């Protein structure tokens, strides 16, 4: 294989982002300042229908302070998926609460409402679905379970900037929602997160918690953290936000090409009424074939892939003490079958054709 590797993910940083950073550096105002405030307003208008947004230093920090702002703490349980990055459950555990794992829907890879219902106990305070890979979770079904049991709903929208369900944007269903701005997400601020808040009290608590418990200097109201976003990162995020619609359309076009041309694998279905933004384009293969295919795609065809996530969170040594009480068979199955293919907007038509040819050849070789 003499062709250059097609990376599984690729941050897109251009001259506009570099110029924005240079302008901040020249201004001398590099900590949280006017760029952060402008980014929060623009993100709110573009992605969450005008809900209050608070910028933080990472997606994980956003989950953590969001949960704290809603009063989650020791003695509480929050239902989360296991088939996702550990940060979801970690953020619950960091508050002193207990993450309770539930199973996923096999088509969307997102929390199953039926499994959520089976996981509810007298200590359950909330449920926090993840809009995994950019596909919205079943917010109607999960919302019905939450309403029946008097639970709050929080959203981990780390991978789902601009996704929607039945015309409603993700990030607007729960009391708070977190969007990650890590370099390989659909848009980035270099590193960072954004917390969308459904009411002003939660927004204010997030502002306090991110800044040592202060809104005014030395007037500490609560015990807080230092998880502020800098103006440097916000300047990058503002530029990226303007590019996001075009990048999303390109991701969707790339996914449509794969849907039409891949064979020998299970392509990701999209629920009726859902707008998928394809943070990842995740196929399923037979579990016994997955590792062979990943290796062959890289070594024989120069195609990078990702496996998100090979070990469910409930089987990680750091979280295994929170053993699930419900059936997790769909989670376990997905962990052994998934491969995420390159779908980022920098792919050329030649790249797309190489991915299709490589996957079809490798899948056929195992038939």
Protein backbone atom coordinates (compact mmCIF):
# COMPACT_ATOMS: atom_id res chain seq x y z
CA UNK A 1 0.00 0.00 0.00
CA UNK A 2 1.68 3.15 -1.30
CA UNK A 3 -1.24 5.54 -1.00
CA UNK A 4 -1.34 8.08 1.84
CA UNK A 5 -3.53 7.14 4.78
CA UNK A 6 -7.05 8.56 4.81
CA UNK A 7 -7.40 9.59 8.47
CA UNK A 8 -10.44 8.48 10.44
CA UNK A 9 -10.88 12.04 11.72
CA UNK A 10 -9.27 15.34 10.83
CA UNK A 11 -9.51 18.76 12.51
CA UNK A 12 -10.07 21.53 9.98
CA UNK A 13 -8.11 24.62 11.02
CA UNK A 14 -7.52 27.28 8.40
CA UNK A 15 -6.26 30.81 7.90
CA UNK A 16 -9.44 32.34 9.35
CA UNK A 17 -8.95 30.56 12.67
CA UNK A 18 -5.28 31.54 12.77
CA UNK A 19 -6.15 35.18 12.07
CA UNK A 20 -8.79 35.15 14.82
CA UNK A 21 -6.28 33.84 17.34
CA UNK A 22 -3.70 36.42 16.26
CA UNK A 23 -6.23 39.21 16.78
CA UNK A 24 -6.94 38.02 20.33
CA UNK A 25 -3.24 37.75 21.15
CA UNK A 26 -2.66 41.25 19.86
CA UNK A 27 -5.57 42.57 21.95
CA UNK A 28 -3.97 41.43 25.20
CA UNK A 29 -7.33 40.08 26.41
CA UNK A 30 -6.75 36.33 26.32
CA UNK A 31 -8.70 35.02 29.34
CA UNK A 32 -12.49 34.77 29.45
CA UNK A 33 -13.71 38.02 27.91
CA UNK A 34 -15.63 39.53 24.98
CA UNK A 35 -14.86 36.69 22.57
CA UNK A 36 -16.38 34.16 24.99
CA UNK A 37 -19.50 36.29 25.45
CA UNK A 38 -19.92 36.68 21.69
CA UNK A 39 -19.37 32.96 21.10
CA UNK A 40 -22.02 32.07 23.68
CA UNK A 41 -24.57 34.35 22.01
CA UNK A 42 -23.80 33.12 18.50
CA UNK A 43 -23.83 29.45 19.50
CA UNK A 44 -27.16 29.97 21.23
CA UNK A 45 -28.75 31.55 18.16
CA UNK A 46 -27.32 29.01 15.72
CA UNK A 47 -27.74 25.70 17.51
CA UNK A 48 -30.14 25.78 20.46
CA UNK A 49 -32.93 28.14 19.55
CA UNK A 50 -31.79 31.00 21.74
CA UNK A 51 -31.30 29.04 24.97
CA UNK A 52 -28.74 30.44 27.40
CA UNK A 53 -25.24 29.12 26.66
CA UNK A 54 -22.19 29.09 28.92
CA UNK A 55 -18.74 28.25 27.54
CA UNK A 56 -16.38 26.03 29.52
CA UNK A 57 -12.94 24.49 29.12
CA UNK A 58 -14.03 21.03 27.93
CA UNK A 59 -17.05 18.87 27.27
CA UNK A 60 -16.42 16.86 30.41
CA UNK A 61 -16.27 20.06 32.45
CA UNK A 62 -19.59 21.04 30.89
CA UNK A 63 -21.25 17.82 31.99
CA UNK A 64 -19.76 18.11 35.46
CA UNK A 65 -20.85 21.68 36.14
CA UNK A 66 -24.21 21.10 34.47
CA UNK A 67 -24.97 18.25 36.83
CA UNK A 68 -23.77 20.24 39.84
CA UNK A 69 -25.85 23.22 38.75
CA UNK A 70 -28.95 21.00 38.73
CA UNK A 71 -28.23 19.78 42.25
CA UNK A 72 -27.05 16.27 41.42
CA UNK A 73 -24.92 14.81 44.20
CA UNK A 74 -24.41 11.99 46.70
CA UNK A 75 -27.40 9.67 47.07
CA UNK A 76 -28.71 10.44 43.57
CA UNK A 77 -28.75 8.12 40.57
CA UNK A 78 -28.51 9.28 36.95
CA UNK A 79 -29.28 6.82 34.16
CA UNK A 80 -26.71 6.90 31.35
CA UNK A 81 -25.68 4.71 28.41
CA UNK A 82 -22.65 2.47 28.76
CA UNK A 83 -22.03 2.53 25.01
CA UNK A 84 -20.33 5.91 24.85
CA UNK A 85 -17.13 7.61 26.00
CA UNK A 86 -16.42 7.26 29.73
CA UNK A 87 -16.83 11.02 30.29
CA UNK A 88 -20.61 10.61 30.46
CA UNK A 89 -20.53 8.29 33.46
CA UNK A 90 -17.40 9.96 34.88
CA UNK A 91 -19.19 13.29 35.15
CA UNK A 92 -21.97 11.71 37.22
CA UNK A 93 -19.51 9.91 39.49
CA UNK A 94 -17.52 13.13 40.01
CA UNK A 95 -20.57 14.75 41.61
CA UNK A 96 -20.77 11.90 44.15
CA UNK A 97 -23.90 10.53 42.46
CA UNK A 98 -24.19 7.03 40.96
CA UNK A 99 -24.20 6.43 37.20
CA UNK A 100 -26.77 3.73 36.40
CA UNK A 101 -26.19 2.06 33.07
CA UNK A 102 -28.97 1.23 30.61
CA UNK A 103 -28.93 -0.49 27.21
CA UNK A 104 -29.14 1.00 23.71
CA UNK A 105 -31.36 0.78 20.66
CA UNK A 106 -29.48 -1.36 18.11
CA UNK A 107 -30.23 0.94 15.16
CA UNK A 108 -29.40 4.36 16.61
CA UNK A 109 -26.79 3.24 19.22
CA UNK A 110 -28.58 5.63 21.65
CA UNK A 111 -30.31 4.90 24.96
CA UNK A 112 -33.33 2.63 24.78
CA UNK A 113 -36.39 4.10 26.49
CA UNK A 114 -37.50 0.62 27.57
CA UNK A 115 -34.11 -0.03 29.18
CA UNK A 116 -34.25 3.35 30.91
CA UNK A 117 -37.65 2.45 32.36
CA UNK A 118 -36.25 -0.85 33.66
CA UNK A 119 -33.33 0.96 35.35
CA UNK A 120 -35.39 3.43 37.40
CA UNK A 121 -35.21 3.08 41.20
CA UNK A 122 -36.44 5.21 44.10
CA UNK A 123 -33.09 7.05 44.02
CA UNK A 124 -33.18 7.98 40.33
CA UNK A 125 -33.07 11.76 39.84
CA UNK A 126 -32.40 12.08 36.14
CA UNK A 127 -31.63 10.43 32.81
CA UNK A 128 -28.84 11.66 30.52
CA UNK A 129 -29.04 10.32 26.96
CA UNK A 130 -26.14 10.69 24.54
CA UNK A 131 -26.87 11.65 20.93
CA UNK A 132 -24.23 9.19 19.81
CA UNK A 133 -22.32 9.58 16.55
CA UNK A 134 -24.53 12.59 15.70
CA UNK A 135 -27.89 10.75 15.69
CA UNK A 136 -30.52 12.12 18.10
CA UNK A 137 -31.63 9.85 20.90
CA UNK A 138 -35.29 8.83 21.34
CA UNK A 139 -36.21 11.97 23.25
CA UNK A 140 -39.95 11.36 23.03
CA UNK A 141 -39.67 7.87 24.51
CA UNK A 142 -37.11 8.88 27.13
CA UNK A 143 -39.10 11.99 27.95
CA UNK A 144 -42.22 9.89 28.54
CA UNK A 145 -40.33 7.66 30.98
CA UNK A 146 -38.93 10.73 32.73
CA UNK A 147 -42.37 12.31 33.03
CA UNK A 148 -43.88 9.10 34.42
CA UNK A 149 -41.25 8.88 37.16
CA UNK A 150 -40.67 12.58 37.83
CA UNK A 151 -37.12 12.59 36.48
CA UNK A 152 -35.09 15.42 35.02
CA UNK A 153 -33.58 15.06 31.54
CA UNK A 154 -30.07 16.21 30.70
CA UNK A 155 -28.45 15.85 27.24
CA UNK A 156 -24.95 14.78 26.30
CA UNK A 157 -24.86 16.34 22.84
CA UNK A 158 -21.06 16.16 22.56
CA UNK A 159 -21.22 14.69 19.06
CA UNK A 160 -24.45 16.19 17.71
CA UNK A 161 -24.06 19.88 16.80
CA UNK A 162 -27.10 20.74 14.67
CA UNK A 163 -28.83 17.34 14.87
CA UNK A 164 -32.59 17.37 15.32
CA UNK A 165 -35.62 15.16 15.83
CA UNK A 166 -39.00 15.99 14.32
CA UNK A 167 -37.82 19.54 13.74
CA UNK A 168 -36.55 20.10 17.29
CA UNK A 169 -32.85 20.70 17.79
CA UNK A 170 -30.87 18.52 20.17
CA UNK A 171 -29.84 20.52 23.19
CA UNK A 172 -33.35 21.93 23.66
CA UNK A 173 -35.00 18.93 25.34
CA UNK A 174 -33.30 18.78 28.73
CA UNK A 175 -32.69 21.13 31.63
CA UNK A 176 -29.14 21.40 30.33
CA UNK A 177 -27.23 20.04 27.38
CA UNK A 178 -23.49 19.82 26.74
CA UNK A 179 -21.75 20.18 23.38
CA UNK A 180 -18.08 19.23 23.11
CA UNK A 181 -15.66 21.41 21.13
CA UNK A 182 -12.78 18.93 21.05
CA UNK A 183 -10.58 19.10 17.91
CA UNK A 184 -12.19 16.14 16.09
CA UNK A 185 -15.82 17.11 16.78
CA UNK A 186 -17.97 18.55 13.98
CA UNK A 187 -16.69 21.96 15.06
CA UNK A 188 -13.95 22.88 17.52
CA UNK A 189 -12.62 25.69 19.65
CA UNK A 190 -9.27 23.87 19.98
CA UNK A 191 -10.61 22.48 23.26
CA UNK A 192 -13.76 23.42 25.09
CA UNK A 193 -17.42 22.81 25.70
CA UNK A 194 -20.72 24.67 25.65
CA UNK A 195 -23.52 24.21 28.18
CA UNK A 196 -27.00 25.10 26.93
CA UNK A 197 -29.34 25.83 29.86
CA UNK A 198 -33.13 25.74 29.85
CA UNK A 199 -33.53 28.31 32.62
CA UNK A 200 -31.61 31.23 34.05
CA UNK A 201 -31.05 29.63 37.45
CA UNK A 202 -29.10 26.73 35.93
CA UNK A 203 -27.19 29.14 33.67
CA UNK A 204 -26.23 31.26 36.66
CA UNK A 205 -25.08 28.26 38.64
CA UNK A 206 -22.93 27.14 35.69
CA UNK A 207 -21.38 30.62 35.50
CA UNK A 208 -20.59 30.46 39.21
CA UNK A 209 -19.23 26.93 39.13
CA UNK A 210 -16.95 27.55 36.14
CA UNK A 211 -15.34 30.58 37.81
CA UNK A 212 -14.45 29.66 41.41
CA UNK A 213 -18.01 30.34 42.55
CA UNK A 214 -17.92 34.02 41.52
CA UNK A 215 -19.79 36.29 39.17
CA UNK A 216 -18.06 39.31 40.73
CA UNK A 217 -14.40 39.17 41.71
CA UNK A 218 -13.83 38.00 45.28
CA UNK A 219 -17.59 37.65 45.88
CA UNK A 220 -17.51 33.83 46.06
CA UNK A 221 -21.03 32.45 46.47
CA UNK A 222 -20.44 28.69 46.12
CA UNK A 223 -17.45 26.34 46.08
CA UNK A 224 -16.51 26.37 42.43
CA UNK A 225 -13.98 25.25 39.86
CA UNK A 226 -11.81 26.94 37.26
CA UNK A 227 -13.18 25.58 33.98
CA UNK A 228 -13.47 28.83 32.04
CA UNK A 229 -12.97 29.08 28.29
CA UNK A 230 -10.33 31.51 27.08
CA UNK A 231 -10.90 34.18 24.45
CA UNK A 232 -8.31 32.38 22.32
CA UNK A 233 -10.47 29.27 22.18
CA UNK A 234 -13.67 31.24 21.74
CA UNK A 235 -12.23 33.08 18.74
CA UNK A 236 -11.53 29.75 17.04
CA UNK A 237 -15.02 28.53 17.92
CA UNK A 238 -16.69 31.59 16.42
CA UNK A 239 -14.98 31.02 13.09
CA UNK A 240 -15.80 27.32 13.14
CA UNK A 241 -19.45 27.99 13.98
CA UNK A 242 -19.79 29.91 10.74
CA UNK A 243 -18.40 26.98 8.79
CA UNK A 244 -20.49 24.33 10.52
CA UNK A 245 -23.55 24.35 8.19
CA UNK A 246 -21.41 23.69 5.13
CA UNK A 247 -19.37 21.04 6.89
CA UNK A 248 -22.53 19.32 8.12
CA UNK A 249 -23.97 19.23 4.61
CA UNK A 250 -20.73 17.69 3.35
CA UNK A 251 -20.76 15.03 6.09
CA UNK A 252 -24.33 14.16 5.13
CA UNK A 253 -23.41 13.98 1.44
CA UNK A 254 -20.44 11.72 2.23
CA UNK A 255 -22.71 9.48 4.31
CA UNK A 256 -25.25 9.31 1.49
CA UNK A 257 -22.50 8.17 -0.89
CA UNK A 258 -21.54 5.40 1.51
CA UNK A 259 -25.17 4.37 1.98
CA UNK A 260 -25.54 4.00 -1.77
CA UNK A 261 -22.31 2.13 -2.50
CA UNK A 262 -21.19 0.04 0.48
CA UNK A 263 -21.92 -3.67 0.49
CA UNK A 264 -21.30 -6.58 2.83
CA UNK A 265 -21.72 -4.41 5.94
CA UNK A 266 -24.67 -2.93 7.87
CA UNK A 267 -24.85 0.81 7.20
CA UNK A 268 -26.29 3.13 9.89
CA UNK A 269 -30.05 3.62 9.60
CA UNK A 270 -31.58 7.00 10.36
CA UNK A 271 -34.81 7.17 12.32
CA UNK A 272 -37.75 8.81 10.56
CA UNK A 273 -37.85 12.47 11.50
CA UNK A 274 -34.21 12.53 12.59
CA UNK A 275 -31.47 14.72 11.14
CA UNK A 276 -28.16 12.88 11.58
CA UNK A 277 -25.03 15.08 11.49
CA UNK A 278 -22.56 12.17 11.17
CA UNK A 279 -19.90 12.93 13.70
CA UNK A 280 -19.14 9.31 12.90
CA UNK A 281 -20.35 7.05 10.10
CA UNK A 282 -20.54 3.76 11.96
CA UNK A 283 -21.08 0.43 10.24
CA UNK A 284 -21.66 -3.00 11.77
CA UNK A 285 -19.78 -6.15 10.81
CA UNK A 286 -19.67 -9.62 12.29
CA UNK A 287 -17.91 -9.46 15.63
CA UNK A 288 -15.34 -12.09 14.67
CA UNK A 289 -14.46 -10.10 11.54
CA UNK A 290 -14.11 -6.64 13.05
CA UNK A 291 -10.42 -6.66 14.02
CA UNK A 292 -9.40 -8.33 10.75
CA UNK A 293 -11.27 -5.68 8.77
CA UNK A 294 -9.80 -2.77 10.72
CA UNK A 295 -6.28 -4.08 10.15
CA UNK A 296 -6.85 -4.84 6.46
CA UNK A 297 -8.42 -1.46 5.77
CA UNK A 298 -5.42 0.31 7.23
CA UNK A 299 -2.59 -1.91 5.97
CA UNK A 300 -3.93 -2.92 2.56
CA UNK A 301 -6.03 0.08 1.57
CA UNK A 302 -4.68 3.02 3.56
CA UNK A 303 -8.01 3.73 5.27
CA UNK A 304 -8.01 4.83 8.88
CA UNK A 305 -10.96 3.79 11.01
CA UNK A 306 -12.14 4.15 14.58
CA UNK A 307 -13.77 1.73 17.00
CA UNK A 308 -16.05 3.78 19.26
CA UNK A 309 -16.32 2.08 21.75
CA UNK A 310 -14.64 -1.34 22.12
CA UNK A 311 -15.14 -1.57 25.89
CA UNK A 312 -18.51 -0.47 27.29
CA UNK A 313 -18.19 1.94 30.19
CA UNK A 314 -19.62 -0.54 32.69
CA UNK A 315 -16.71 -2.91 31.96
CA UNK A 316 -13.96 -0.30 32.41
CA UNK A 317 -11.95 -0.89 35.57
CA UNK A 318 -12.67 2.67 36.68
CA UNK A 319 -16.44 2.20 36.47
CA UNK A 320 -17.09 -1.53 36.87
CA UNK A 321 -18.21 -1.01 40.46
CA UNK A 322 -21.40 0.49 38.98
CA UNK A 323 -22.58 -2.88 37.68
CA UNK A 324 -25.76 -2.58 35.58
CA UNK A 325 -28.92 -4.18 36.90
CA UNK A 326 -30.57 -4.42 33.47
CA UNK A 327 -29.82 -6.48 30.36
CA UNK A 328 -26.97 -4.92 28.35
CA UNK A 329 -26.94 -7.33 25.40
CA UNK A 330 -27.28 -4.65 22.69
CA UNK A 331 -24.43 -2.66 24.22
CA UNK A 332 -22.20 -5.73 24.37
CA UNK A 333 -23.07 -6.67 20.81
CA UNK A 334 -22.41 -3.19 19.41
CA UNK A 335 -19.04 -3.01 21.18
CA UNK A 336 -17.89 -6.03 19.21
CA UNK A 337 -19.31 -5.07 15.81
CA UNK A 338 -18.84 -1.34 15.16
CA UNK A 339 -16.34 0.33 12.83
CA UNK A 340 -16.43 4.08 12.15
CA UNK A 341 -15.29 5.07 8.67
CA UNK A 342 -13.87 8.47 7.65
CA UNK A 343 -16.76 10.86 6.95
CA UNK A 344 -15.18 14.25 7.68
CA UNK A 345 -15.73 17.11 5.22
CA UNK A 346 -12.15 17.20 3.94
CA UNK A 347 -12.60 13.91 2.08
CA UNK A 348 -12.26 14.17 -1.69
CA UNK A 349 -14.37 12.21 -4.15
CA UNK A 350 -11.35 10.00 -4.70
CA UNK A 351 -11.13 9.39 -0.95
CA UNK A 352 -14.79 8.40 -0.81
CA UNK A 353 -14.33 5.97 -3.69
CA UNK A 354 -11.23 4.48 -2.02
CA UNK A 355 -13.16 3.93 1.20
CA UNK A 356 -16.00 2.21 -0.63
CA UNK A 357 -13.66 0.04 -2.69
CA UNK A 358 -11.64 -0.89 0.36
CA UNK A 359 -14.58 -1.75 2.60
CA UNK A 360 -16.33 -3.75 -0.12
CA UNK A 361 -13.15 -5.69 -0.88
CA UNK A 362 -12.34 -6.41 2.77
CA UNK A 363 -15.93 -7.35 3.59
CA UNK A 364 -16.06 -9.61 0.56
CA UNK A 365 -12.80 -11.30 1.51
CA UNK A 366 -14.36 -12.45 4.78
CA UNK A 367 -17.55 -13.75 3.21
